Amino acid sequence: MLDHAPTVRPTATAANVAKVRMRSVHGSAADTVGSRGHGGQARNDSALPYGRSMAKAARILAALKRDGWIETRRAGSHRVLAKGDQQRIWAYHDGVDLGGPAMARIARDYGYTVDELRKL
């Protein structure tokens, strides 16, 4: 006599069968499921929101400096930027990807729109 309920396997649905067939035609299961860390698919910059890739913090900082912001001092990853009588803290490491919310926050803090910041 079994002291636990027997395991019941789910029946194959048409969608699951199609997935298995796609894997066998287009490559191994390792190529399509979880091997790349993005839900099983290769990362494509055109798949990001608004069709744009994320900007690196170093590129945005360089654009701000070209537009007249001057780095007055630095302590670790924190930099103080000044332009005229304004001072702002830049607290991003150079290699960090800045997504939409971070870009919006930077644009607002430095007096730009997101589109203006992207064009700098």
N, C-alpha and C. Protein backbone atom coordinates (compact mmCIF):
# COMPACT_ATOMS: atom_id res chain seq x y z
N MET A 1 0.84 -1.17 0.00
CA MET A 1 0.00 0.00 0.00
C MET A 1 0.89 1.25 0.00
N LEU A 2 0.54 2.24 -0.78
CA LEU A 2 1.29 3.49 -0.84
C LEU A 2 0.85 4.41 0.30
N ASP A 3 1.82 5.06 0.95
CA ASP A 3 1.47 5.98 2.01
C ASP A 3 1.41 7.42 1.50
N HIS A 4 1.45 7.62 0.17
CA HIS A 4 1.28 8.95 -0.41
C HIS A 4 0.51 8.81 -1.71
N ALA A 5 -0.01 9.91 -2.18
CA ALA A 5 -0.79 9.89 -3.42
C ALA A 5 0.16 9.75 -4.60
N PRO A 6 -0.21 8.97 -5.58
CA PRO A 6 0.66 8.82 -6.75
C PRO A 6 0.75 10.13 -7.53
N THR A 7 1.93 10.36 -8.13
CA THR A 7 2.14 11.56 -8.92
C THR A 7 1.45 11.40 -10.26
N VAL A 8 0.70 12.43 -10.64
CA VAL A 8 -0.01 12.41 -11.91
C VAL A 8 0.67 13.41 -12.84
N ARG A 9 1.06 12.94 -13.99
CA ARG A 9 1.68 13.83 -14.96
C ARG A 9 0.61 14.54 -15.76
N PRO A 10 0.82 15.83 -16.05
CA PRO A 10 -0.17 16.54 -16.87
C PRO A 10 -0.13 16.03 -18.30
N THR A 11 -1.26 16.08 -18.94
CA THR A 11 -1.31 15.62 -20.32
C THR A 11 -0.70 16.70 -21.22
N ALA A 12 -0.18 16.29 -22.33
CA ALA A 12 0.45 17.22 -23.27
C ALA A 12 -0.63 18.05 -23.95
N THR A 13 -0.43 19.35 -23.93
CA THR A 13 -1.34 20.23 -24.66
C THR A 13 -0.72 20.57 -26.00
N ALA A 14 -1.51 21.11 -26.87
CA ALA A 14 -1.02 21.46 -28.20
C ALA A 14 0.09 22.51 -28.11
N ALA A 15 -0.05 23.44 -27.16
CA ALA A 15 0.97 24.50 -27.02
C ALA A 15 2.30 23.91 -26.56
N ASN A 16 2.26 22.98 -25.60
CA ASN A 16 3.50 22.37 -25.11
C ASN A 16 4.16 21.53 -26.20
N VAL A 17 3.37 20.82 -26.98
CA VAL A 17 3.92 20.01 -28.06
C VAL A 17 4.59 20.93 -29.09
N ALA A 18 3.96 22.07 -29.39
CA ALA A 18 4.54 23.01 -30.36
C ALA A 18 5.87 23.57 -29.84
N LYS A 19 5.97 23.85 -28.54
CA LYS A 19 7.22 24.36 -27.97
C LYS A 19 8.33 23.34 -28.12
N VAL A 20 8.02 22.08 -27.84
CA VAL A 20 9.02 21.03 -27.94
C VAL A 20 9.47 20.89 -29.39
N ARG A 21 8.53 20.95 -30.32
CA ARG A 21 8.89 20.85 -31.74
C ARG A 21 9.75 22.02 -32.18
N MET A 22 9.44 23.24 -31.70
CA MET A 22 10.23 24.42 -32.05
C MET A 22 11.66 24.27 -31.55
N ARG A 23 11.83 23.74 -30.33
CA ARG A 23 13.17 23.55 -29.78
C ARG A 23 13.97 22.57 -30.62
N SER A 24 13.32 21.49 -31.06
CA SER A 24 14.06 20.49 -31.81
C SER A 24 14.42 21.01 -33.20
N VAL A 25 13.63 21.90 -33.75
CA VAL A 25 13.91 22.44 -35.07
C VAL A 25 14.96 23.55 -34.98
N HIS A 26 14.86 24.42 -33.96
CA HIS A 26 15.71 25.60 -33.88
C HIS A 26 16.88 25.47 -32.93
N GLY A 27 17.13 24.35 -32.38
CA GLY A 27 18.27 24.18 -31.49
C GLY A 27 17.86 23.43 -30.24
N SER A 28 18.81 23.25 -29.37
CA SER A 28 18.54 22.48 -28.16
C SER A 28 17.72 23.29 -27.17
N ALA A 29 17.21 22.62 -26.17
CA ALA A 29 16.43 23.28 -25.13
C ALA A 29 17.30 24.28 -24.37
N ALA A 30 18.59 23.99 -24.23
CA ALA A 30 19.49 24.90 -23.52
C ALA A 30 19.63 26.22 -24.26
N ASP A 31 19.44 26.20 -25.60
CA ASP A 31 19.53 27.43 -26.37
C ASP A 31 18.31 28.32 -26.17
N THR A 32 17.19 27.74 -25.76
CA THR A 32 15.96 28.52 -25.69
C THR A 32 15.43 28.73 -24.30
N VAL A 33 15.87 27.96 -23.34
CA VAL A 33 15.27 28.07 -22.01
C VAL A 33 16.32 28.38 -20.97
N GLY A 34 16.32 29.60 -20.46
CA GLY A 34 17.09 29.96 -19.29
C GLY A 34 18.59 30.05 -19.42
N SER A 35 19.17 29.76 -20.56
CA SER A 35 20.63 29.77 -20.63
C SER A 35 21.18 31.19 -20.76
N ARG A 36 20.35 32.13 -21.16
CA ARG A 36 20.85 33.49 -21.35
C ARG A 36 20.38 34.44 -20.26
N GLY A 37 19.55 34.02 -19.37
CA GLY A 37 19.14 34.85 -18.26
C GLY A 37 18.10 35.90 -18.59
N HIS A 38 17.50 35.84 -19.76
CA HIS A 38 16.49 36.82 -20.14
C HIS A 38 15.22 36.10 -20.56
N GLY A 39 14.72 35.23 -19.72
CA GLY A 39 13.49 34.54 -20.06
C GLY A 39 13.65 33.58 -21.21
N GLY A 40 14.88 33.13 -21.46
CA GLY A 40 15.10 32.15 -22.51
C GLY A 40 15.36 32.77 -23.87
N GLN A 41 15.40 34.08 -23.97
CA GLN A 41 15.65 34.69 -25.26
C GLN A 41 16.87 35.60 -25.17
N ALA A 42 17.56 35.73 -26.27
CA ALA A 42 18.71 36.62 -26.30
C ALA A 42 18.22 38.06 -26.14
N ARG A 43 19.01 38.86 -25.47
CA ARG A 43 18.63 40.26 -25.26
C ARG A 43 18.76 41.02 -26.57
N ASN A 44 17.73 41.74 -26.88
CA ASN A 44 17.71 42.52 -28.11
C ASN A 44 17.41 43.95 -27.72
N ASP A 45 18.29 44.89 -28.04
CA ASP A 45 18.10 46.28 -27.64
C ASP A 45 16.84 46.88 -28.24
N SER A 46 16.39 46.39 -29.39
CA SER A 46 15.18 46.93 -29.97
C SER A 46 13.95 46.49 -29.19
N ALA A 47 14.09 45.49 -28.31
CA ALA A 47 12.97 45.03 -27.50
C ALA A 47 12.80 45.87 -26.24
N LEU A 48 13.73 46.79 -25.96
CA LEU A 48 13.62 47.64 -24.79
C LEU A 48 12.54 48.69 -25.01
N PRO A 49 12.01 49.27 -23.93
CA PRO A 49 10.97 50.27 -24.09
C PRO A 49 11.42 51.40 -25.00
N TYR A 50 10.53 51.86 -25.84
CA TYR A 50 10.75 52.97 -26.76
C TYR A 50 11.80 52.65 -27.81
N GLY A 51 12.21 51.39 -27.94
CA GLY A 51 13.13 51.00 -28.99
C GLY A 51 14.54 51.53 -28.84
N ARG A 52 14.93 51.98 -27.64
CA ARG A 52 16.26 52.53 -27.43
C ARG A 52 17.02 51.67 -26.44
N SER A 53 18.32 51.63 -26.61
CA SER A 53 19.13 50.92 -25.63
C SER A 53 19.37 51.83 -24.43
N MET A 54 19.75 51.22 -23.32
CA MET A 54 20.00 52.00 -22.11
C MET A 54 21.34 52.69 -22.21
N ALA A 55 21.39 53.91 -21.70
CA ALA A 55 22.62 54.69 -21.73
C ALA A 55 23.46 54.36 -20.51
N LYS A 56 24.75 54.35 -20.68
CA LYS A 56 25.67 54.18 -19.57
C LYS A 56 25.83 55.51 -18.84
N ALA A 57 26.05 55.44 -17.55
CA ALA A 57 26.19 56.64 -16.74
C ALA A 57 27.36 57.50 -17.21
N ALA A 58 28.45 56.88 -17.65
CA ALA A 58 29.62 57.63 -18.11
C ALA A 58 29.29 58.49 -19.32
N ARG A 59 28.44 57.99 -20.22
CA ARG A 59 28.08 58.75 -21.41
C ARG A 59 27.19 59.93 -21.06
N ILE A 60 26.28 59.74 -20.12
CA ILE A 60 25.41 60.84 -19.71
C ILE A 60 26.23 61.90 -18.98
N LEU A 61 27.15 61.46 -18.12
CA LEU A 61 28.02 62.41 -17.41
C LEU A 61 28.86 63.21 -18.41
N ALA A 62 29.40 62.56 -19.42
CA ALA A 62 30.19 63.24 -20.44
C ALA A 62 29.34 64.26 -21.19
N ALA A 63 28.09 63.91 -21.47
CA ALA A 63 27.19 64.84 -22.16
C ALA A 63 26.90 66.06 -21.29
N LEU A 64 26.69 65.83 -20.00
CA LEU A 64 26.46 66.96 -19.09
C LEU A 64 27.68 67.87 -19.04
N LYS A 65 28.87 67.29 -19.02
CA LYS A 65 30.09 68.09 -18.99
C LYS A 65 30.25 68.89 -20.28
N ARG A 66 29.88 68.30 -21.42
CA ARG A 66 29.94 69.04 -22.69
C ARG A 66 28.97 70.22 -22.69
N ASP A 67 27.88 70.08 -21.93
CA ASP A 67 26.87 71.14 -21.88
C ASP A 67 27.18 72.18 -20.81
N GLY A 68 28.34 72.10 -20.18
CA GLY A 68 28.74 73.16 -19.27
C GLY A 68 28.81 72.80 -17.80
N TRP A 69 28.41 71.58 -17.43
CA TRP A 69 28.53 71.16 -16.03
C TRP A 69 29.99 70.83 -15.75
N ILE A 70 30.50 71.30 -14.63
CA ILE A 70 31.91 71.11 -14.26
C ILE A 70 31.96 70.29 -12.98
N GLU A 71 32.84 69.28 -12.97
CA GLU A 71 33.03 68.47 -11.76
C GLU A 71 33.92 69.25 -10.80
N THR A 72 33.37 69.64 -9.66
CA THR A 72 34.14 70.45 -8.71
C THR A 72 34.87 69.61 -7.70
N ARG A 73 34.29 68.50 -7.29
CA ARG A 73 35.00 67.61 -6.37
C ARG A 73 34.40 66.21 -6.46
N ARG A 74 35.15 65.26 -5.88
CA ARG A 74 34.73 63.86 -5.94
C ARG A 74 35.07 63.17 -4.63
N ALA A 75 34.16 62.30 -4.18
CA ALA A 75 34.40 61.44 -3.02
C ALA A 75 33.86 60.05 -3.36
N GLY A 76 34.74 59.17 -3.79
CA GLY A 76 34.30 57.84 -4.21
C GLY A 76 33.53 57.93 -5.51
N SER A 77 32.32 57.39 -5.52
CA SER A 77 31.51 57.47 -6.73
C SER A 77 30.64 58.71 -6.75
N HIS A 78 30.66 59.52 -5.71
CA HIS A 78 29.87 60.74 -5.66
C HIS A 78 30.69 61.91 -6.21
N ARG A 79 30.13 62.60 -7.17
CA ARG A 79 30.79 63.75 -7.76
C ARG A 79 29.86 64.94 -7.60
N VAL A 80 30.42 66.09 -7.36
CA VAL A 80 29.64 67.32 -7.28
C VAL A 80 29.84 68.06 -8.59
N LEU A 81 28.74 68.29 -9.31
CA LEU A 81 28.78 69.01 -10.57
C LEU A 81 28.19 70.40 -10.36
N ALA A 82 28.78 71.39 -10.98
CA ALA A 82 28.31 72.76 -10.85
C ALA A 82 28.18 73.39 -12.23
N LYS A 83 27.14 74.22 -12.36
CA LYS A 83 26.94 75.00 -13.59
C LYS A 83 26.30 76.30 -13.14
N GLY A 84 27.03 77.37 -13.30
CA GLY A 84 26.53 78.66 -12.82
C GLY A 84 26.44 78.63 -11.30
N ASP A 85 25.26 78.94 -10.76
CA ASP A 85 25.08 78.91 -9.31
C ASP A 85 24.41 77.62 -8.84
N GLN A 86 24.26 76.63 -9.74
CA GLN A 86 23.62 75.35 -9.39
C GLN A 86 24.68 74.31 -9.04
N GLN A 87 24.37 73.47 -8.07
CA GLN A 87 25.21 72.32 -7.74
C GLN A 87 24.34 71.09 -7.65
N ARG A 88 24.83 69.98 -8.19
CA ARG A 88 24.11 68.71 -8.15
C ARG A 88 25.09 67.60 -7.80
N ILE A 89 24.57 66.56 -7.17
CA ILE A 89 25.38 65.37 -6.84
C ILE A 89 25.15 64.33 -7.93
N TRP A 90 26.24 63.81 -8.48
CA TRP A 90 26.18 62.70 -9.44
C TRP A 90 26.65 61.47 -8.69
N ALA A 91 25.76 60.52 -8.46
CA ALA A 91 26.07 59.36 -7.62
C ALA A 91 25.92 58.04 -8.38
N TYR A 92 26.37 58.00 -9.62
CA TYR A 92 26.28 56.79 -10.42
C TYR A 92 27.68 56.33 -10.81
N HIS A 93 27.92 55.02 -10.73
CA HIS A 93 29.17 54.46 -11.22
C HIS A 93 29.16 54.53 -12.75
N ASP A 94 30.32 54.66 -13.35
CA ASP A 94 30.41 54.87 -14.79
C ASP A 94 29.77 53.78 -15.63
N GLY A 95 29.87 52.53 -15.21
CA GLY A 95 29.38 51.43 -16.03
C GLY A 95 27.92 51.07 -15.83
N VAL A 96 27.20 51.82 -15.02
CA VAL A 96 25.81 51.49 -14.70
C VAL A 96 24.90 51.85 -15.87
N ASP A 97 23.98 50.94 -16.22
CA ASP A 97 22.96 51.23 -17.22
C ASP A 97 21.90 52.10 -16.58
N LEU A 98 21.58 53.20 -17.21
CA LEU A 98 20.53 54.09 -16.70
C LEU A 98 19.26 53.83 -17.50
N GLY A 99 18.27 53.28 -16.83
CA GLY A 99 17.00 53.01 -17.49
C GLY A 99 16.11 54.24 -17.50
N GLY A 100 14.87 54.06 -17.86
CA GLY A 100 13.92 55.16 -17.99
C GLY A 100 13.72 55.98 -16.72
N PRO A 101 13.45 55.34 -15.56
CA PRO A 101 13.24 56.12 -14.35
C PRO A 101 14.47 56.92 -13.93
N ALA A 102 15.65 56.34 -14.06
CA ALA A 102 16.88 57.05 -13.69
C ALA A 102 17.12 58.21 -14.65
N MET A 103 16.88 58.00 -15.95
CA MET A 103 17.05 59.08 -16.92
C MET A 103 16.07 60.22 -16.64
N ALA A 104 14.83 59.88 -16.27
CA ALA A 104 13.84 60.92 -15.97
C ALA A 104 14.25 61.71 -14.74
N ARG A 105 14.79 61.02 -13.73
CA ARG A 105 15.21 61.69 -12.50
C ARG A 105 16.40 62.62 -12.79
N ILE A 106 17.36 62.15 -13.57
CA ILE A 106 18.53 62.97 -13.91
C ILE A 106 18.09 64.19 -14.72
N ALA A 107 17.23 63.97 -15.71
CA ALA A 107 16.75 65.08 -16.54
C ALA A 107 16.05 66.13 -15.69
N ARG A 108 15.20 65.69 -14.78
CA ARG A 108 14.48 66.63 -13.92
C ARG A 108 15.44 67.39 -13.00
N ASP A 109 16.38 66.66 -12.40
CA ASP A 109 17.32 67.28 -11.46
C ASP A 109 18.24 68.29 -12.13
N TYR A 110 18.64 68.03 -13.36
CA TYR A 110 19.59 68.90 -14.05
C TYR A 110 18.92 69.92 -14.98
N GLY A 111 17.59 69.92 -15.01
CA GLY A 111 16.87 70.94 -15.76
C GLY A 111 16.67 70.65 -17.24
N TYR A 112 16.57 69.39 -17.61
CA TYR A 112 16.36 69.00 -19.00
C TYR A 112 15.10 68.17 -19.08
N THR A 113 14.61 67.97 -20.31
CA THR A 113 13.62 66.93 -20.54
C THR A 113 14.41 65.67 -20.89
N VAL A 114 13.75 64.53 -20.87
CA VAL A 114 14.44 63.27 -21.19
C VAL A 114 14.95 63.31 -22.63
N ASP A 115 14.15 63.85 -23.54
CA ASP A 115 14.58 63.94 -24.95
C ASP A 115 15.78 64.86 -25.10
N GLU A 116 15.78 65.98 -24.39
CA GLU A 116 16.93 66.88 -24.47
C GLU A 116 18.19 66.20 -23.92
N LEU A 117 18.03 65.46 -22.85
CA LEU A 117 19.18 64.76 -22.26
C LEU A 117 19.72 63.70 -23.21
N ARG A 118 18.84 63.00 -23.90
CA ARG A 118 19.27 61.98 -24.85
C ARG A 118 20.00 62.60 -26.04
N LYS A 119 19.63 63.83 -26.41
CA LYS A 119 20.25 64.48 -27.56
C LYS A 119 21.58 65.13 -27.25
N LEU A 120 21.90 65.31 -25.95
CA LEU A 120 23.16 65.96 -25.59
C LEU A 120 24.37 65.18 -26.04
